Amino acid sequence: MKDASIHRPCERQCQQCHQWLHHSRFCSRIDKRLTDRTVCVFDAICKACQQINRNDAKNTNRPLALIKNRAHARAKMYGESTQFFMVRMNWRALVPDMRGAMSAEGLCKSCGHAFLNERDIQIDHIDPPPSTPSRVDWAAYEHARNIRLLCASCNNLKGAKANTRFLEEQNAARISNEQHQWFADDSDAGADEKVDDADDAQLSLFDDEFDDES
């Protein structure tokens, strides 16, 4: 950090990072209150720090923005406002879930894998709404208590299935996968035994030939 007594006349100090930087690194504007319109007023913090602050604010508010965007899409389907979904349907309670899913520790509740990106974090209705629901029906199904966040792969697998059916299918798939792995491991073990037997046979033949030569 430079001492104020030795900085150049063209430099000014950023009040956030406290670095002495060239004045071009600060946003400036003409001070219209003065008769001399060549006098500029500079921002207290440099452009780099302003960008850091904007990024931090964006990252902090990003989960809320994503939930609002998805609430807006659902609200439009039913002719309701985004505010109705955020408050009456309690979608604001999904913001902490979205923030957790977007973090480095975020995992899909179905497959247990990390989300690939923001698009991979999808809204899933635990019990899917009826295809032609009445107002009472869709309000019950669109409430936050009936919503969870899944990855795109798991959400596509579930589709419009009842949650019970989805759970049964996933459990059956897990068992089938375990059995397949068991058979694959058993086949590999059998192949290794055959190789070992073939090696033993070759060694035995070599020993017999050696005995004959002796």
Protein backbone atom coordinates (compact mmCIF):
# COMPACT_ATOMS: atom_id res chain seq x y z
CA MET A 1 0.00 0.00 0.00
CA LYS A 2 1.35 3.39 -0.96
CA ASP A 3 1.71 6.18 1.54
CA ALA A 4 -0.57 9.16 0.83
CA SER A 5 2.43 11.47 0.88
CA ILE A 6 4.12 9.73 -2.02
CA HIS A 7 1.19 8.92 -4.32
CA ARG A 8 1.08 10.50 -7.77
CA PRO A 9 -1.28 13.43 -8.47
CA CYS A 10 -3.23 11.28 -10.96
CA GLU A 11 -3.98 8.65 -8.31
CA ARG A 12 -6.66 8.35 -5.66
CA GLN A 13 -7.31 5.83 -2.88
CA CYS A 14 -10.14 3.31 -3.04
CA GLN A 15 -12.11 3.33 0.22
CA GLN A 16 -12.74 -0.42 0.01
CA CYS A 17 -9.46 -2.04 -1.04
CA HIS A 18 -7.42 0.98 0.13
CA GLN A 19 -5.18 0.86 -2.92
CA TRP A 20 -3.89 3.98 -4.63
CA LEU A 21 -5.00 3.68 -8.26
CA HIS A 22 -5.06 5.84 -11.36
CA HIS A 23 -8.19 8.00 -11.51
CA SER A 24 -9.32 6.14 -14.65
CA ARG A 25 -9.94 3.10 -12.41
CA PHE A 26 -12.82 5.01 -10.78
CA CYS A 27 -16.22 5.88 -12.22
CA SER A 28 -16.57 9.63 -12.61
CA ARG A 29 -19.17 12.17 -13.63
CA ILE A 30 -19.34 15.91 -14.23
CA ASP A 31 -20.45 17.88 -11.18
CA LYS A 32 -23.36 19.90 -12.58
CA ARG A 33 -23.59 21.96 -9.42
CA LEU A 34 -20.41 23.77 -10.40
CA THR A 35 -20.11 26.36 -13.09
CA ASP A 36 -16.90 24.75 -14.26
CA ARG A 37 -18.24 21.69 -16.09
CA THR A 38 -14.78 20.18 -16.43
CA VAL A 39 -14.60 19.22 -12.75
CA CYS A 40 -15.33 15.55 -12.17
CA VAL A 41 -16.71 13.80 -9.12
CA PHE A 42 -15.25 10.34 -8.54
CA ASP A 43 -16.81 7.36 -6.80
CA ALA A 44 -15.35 6.44 -3.42
CA ILE A 45 -14.48 2.88 -4.48
CA CYS A 46 -12.76 1.66 -7.62
CA LYS A 47 -14.44 -0.10 -10.53
CA ALA A 48 -12.95 -3.48 -9.56
CA CYS A 49 -14.41 -3.30 -6.06
CA GLN A 50 -17.77 -2.20 -7.48
CA GLN A 51 -17.80 -5.28 -9.71
CA ILE A 52 -16.94 -7.50 -6.74
CA ASN A 53 -19.84 -5.99 -4.79
CA ARG A 54 -22.22 -6.54 -7.71
CA ASN A 55 -21.16 -10.17 -8.03
CA ASP A 56 -21.55 -10.75 -4.31
CA ALA A 57 -25.04 -9.24 -4.36
CA LYS A 58 -25.97 -11.31 -7.41
CA ASN A 59 -24.75 -14.55 -5.81
CA THR A 60 -26.57 -13.76 -2.58
CA ASN A 61 -29.85 -13.07 -4.36
CA ARG A 62 -29.49 -15.69 -7.09
CA PRO A 63 -31.42 -18.49 -5.29
CA LEU A 64 -34.32 -16.09 -4.67
CA ALA A 65 -34.27 -14.98 -8.31
CA LEU A 66 -34.37 -18.58 -9.56
CA ILE A 67 -37.30 -19.51 -7.32
CA LYS A 68 -39.17 -16.36 -8.36
CA ASN A 69 -38.61 -17.16 -12.04
CA ARG A 70 -39.99 -20.67 -11.61
CA ALA A 71 -42.86 -19.43 -9.45
CA HIS A 72 -43.69 -16.94 -12.22
CA ALA A 73 -43.81 -19.76 -14.79
CA ARG A 74 -46.17 -21.88 -12.64
CA ALA A 75 -48.31 -18.87 -11.71
CA LYS A 76 -48.74 -18.00 -15.37
CA MET A 77 -50.17 -21.48 -16.02
CA TYR A 78 -52.96 -20.87 -13.51
CA GLY A 79 -53.54 -17.19 -14.14
CA GLU A 80 -52.11 -16.15 -10.79
CA SER A 81 -49.42 -13.71 -9.75
CA THR A 82 -45.85 -14.57 -8.79
CA GLN A 83 -46.52 -13.01 -5.39
CA PHE A 84 -49.43 -15.43 -4.86
CA PHE A 85 -47.09 -18.39 -5.33
CA MET A 86 -44.27 -16.92 -3.27
CA VAL A 87 -46.52 -16.09 -0.29
CA ARG A 88 -49.77 -18.09 -0.42
CA MET A 89 -48.14 -21.21 -1.88
CA ASN A 90 -45.09 -20.62 0.34
CA TRP A 91 -42.55 -20.94 -2.46
CA ARG A 92 -40.35 -18.52 -0.54
CA ALA A 93 -39.61 -21.51 1.73
CA LEU A 94 -37.86 -23.10 -1.27
CA VAL A 95 -35.20 -20.37 -1.38
CA PRO A 96 -33.02 -21.93 1.39
CA ASP A 97 -33.33 -25.31 -0.38
CA MET A 98 -32.22 -23.72 -3.65
CA ARG A 99 -29.33 -21.99 -1.90
CA GLY A 100 -28.21 -25.32 -0.44
CA ALA A 101 -28.54 -27.07 -3.80
CA MET A 102 -26.40 -24.39 -5.44
CA SER A 103 -23.65 -24.74 -2.86
CA ALA A 104 -20.63 -27.02 -3.17
CA GLU A 105 -22.38 -29.51 -0.86
CA GLY A 106 -25.65 -29.57 -2.83
CA LEU A 107 -26.83 -33.09 -3.74
CA CYS A 108 -29.91 -34.49 -5.47
CA LYS A 109 -32.21 -36.09 -2.88
CA SER A 110 -32.97 -38.97 -5.22
CA CYS A 111 -29.66 -40.09 -6.74
CA GLY A 112 -27.31 -38.39 -4.29
CA HIS A 113 -25.12 -36.85 -7.01
CA ALA A 114 -24.03 -33.23 -7.21
CA PHE A 115 -25.99 -30.90 -9.48
CA LEU A 116 -24.24 -30.06 -12.74
CA ASN A 117 -25.36 -26.42 -12.86
CA GLU A 118 -28.35 -24.17 -12.14
CA ARG A 119 -30.42 -25.71 -14.93
CA ASP A 120 -29.86 -29.14 -13.44
CA ILE A 121 -31.70 -28.10 -10.24
CA GLN A 122 -35.33 -28.73 -11.10
CA ILE A 123 -38.68 -28.39 -9.37
CA ASP A 124 -40.36 -31.74 -8.75
CA HIS A 125 -43.91 -32.22 -7.47
CA ILE A 126 -43.82 -35.14 -5.03
CA ASP A 127 -47.44 -35.95 -5.87
CA PRO A 128 -48.03 -34.66 -9.42
CA PRO A 129 -51.03 -32.36 -10.01
CA PRO A 130 -54.00 -33.80 -11.94
CA SER A 131 -53.95 -33.17 -15.67
CA THR A 132 -57.10 -31.00 -15.43
CA PRO A 133 -57.15 -29.78 -11.83
CA SER A 134 -59.74 -27.52 -10.25
CA ARG A 135 -58.56 -24.46 -8.32
CA VAL A 136 -58.74 -26.34 -5.01
CA ASP A 137 -56.79 -29.26 -6.47
CA TRP A 138 -53.91 -27.33 -8.03
CA ALA A 139 -53.51 -25.11 -4.98
CA ALA A 140 -52.97 -28.20 -2.85
CA TYR A 141 -50.48 -29.73 -5.28
CA GLU A 142 -48.58 -26.50 -5.99
CA HIS A 143 -47.89 -25.73 -2.33
CA ALA A 144 -44.23 -25.82 -1.25
CA ARG A 145 -44.93 -28.80 1.03
CA ASN A 146 -45.44 -30.88 -2.12
CA ILE A 147 -42.25 -29.70 -3.85
CA ARG A 148 -38.63 -30.82 -3.72
CA LEU A 149 -35.53 -30.17 -5.80
CA LEU A 150 -34.18 -32.99 -7.96
CA CYS A 151 -31.57 -33.18 -10.70
CA ALA A 152 -32.82 -33.19 -14.29
CA SER A 153 -32.11 -36.90 -14.71
CA CYS A 154 -34.17 -37.95 -11.69
CA ASN A 155 -36.91 -35.46 -12.50
CA ASN A 156 -37.23 -36.86 -16.02
CA LEU A 157 -37.33 -40.40 -14.65
CA LYS A 158 -40.15 -39.54 -12.30
CA GLY A 159 -42.16 -37.48 -14.76
CA ALA A 160 -45.86 -37.48 -13.83
CA LYS A 161 -45.68 -40.75 -11.88
CA ALA A 162 -47.11 -41.05 -8.41
CA ASN A 163 -44.36 -40.83 -5.83
CA THR A 164 -45.08 -44.34 -4.51
CA ARG A 165 -44.65 -45.84 -7.97
CA PHE A 166 -41.44 -43.86 -8.51
CA LEU A 167 -40.00 -45.12 -5.20
CA GLU A 168 -40.88 -48.73 -6.07
CA GLU A 169 -39.31 -48.43 -9.52
CA GLN A 170 -36.13 -46.89 -8.13
CA ASN A 171 -35.84 -49.60 -5.48
CA ALA A 172 -36.32 -52.31 -8.12
CA ALA A 173 -33.70 -50.65 -10.32
CA ARG A 174 -31.28 -50.53 -7.38
CA ILE A 175 -31.75 -54.26 -6.68
CA SER A 176 -31.33 -55.10 -10.37
CA ASN A 177 -28.16 -53.06 -10.54
CA GLU A 178 -26.72 -54.81 -7.47
CA GLN A 179 -27.54 -58.20 -8.96
CA HIS A 180 -25.98 -57.23 -12.27
CA GLN A 181 -22.84 -56.11 -10.46
CA TRP A 182 -22.78 -59.41 -8.53
CA PHE A 183 -23.07 -61.45 -11.71
CA ALA A 184 -20.43 -59.30 -13.41
CA ASP A 185 -18.05 -59.74 -10.49
CA ASP A 186 -18.78 -63.49 -10.43
CA SER A 187 -18.13 -63.74 -14.17
CA ASP A 188 -14.85 -61.88 -13.78
CA ALA A 189 -13.87 -64.20 -10.94
CA GLY A 190 -14.73 -67.24 -13.09
CA ALA A 191 -12.70 -65.88 -15.96
CA ASP A 192 -9.74 -65.33 -13.63
CA GLU A 193 -10.04 -68.94 -12.41
CA LYS A 194 -10.05 -70.22 -16.01
CA VAL A 195 -6.91 -68.20 -16.73
CA ASP A 196 -5.27 -69.60 -13.62
CA ASP A 197 -6.24 -73.17 -14.64
CA ALA A 198 -4.84 -72.61 -18.12
CA ASP A 199 -1.60 -71.30 -16.66
CA ASP A 200 -1.37 -74.30 -14.34
CA ALA A 201 -1.94 -76.66 -17.27
CA GLN A 202 0.82 -75.00 -19.29
CA LEU A 203 3.21 -75.20 -16.37
CA SER A 204 2.34 -78.85 -15.87
CA LEU A 205 2.97 -79.57 -19.57
CA PHE A 206 6.30 -77.76 -19.37
CA ASP A 207 7.28 -79.80 -16.32
CA ASP A 208 6.39 -83.05 -18.12
CA GLU A 209 8.50 -82.05 -21.14
CA PHE A 210 11.37 -81.15 -18.85
CA ASP A 211 11.15 -84.53 -17.11
CA ASP A 212 11.17 -86.33 -20.49
CA GLU A 213 14.31 -84.46 -21.57
CA SER A 214 15.98 -85.35 -18.31
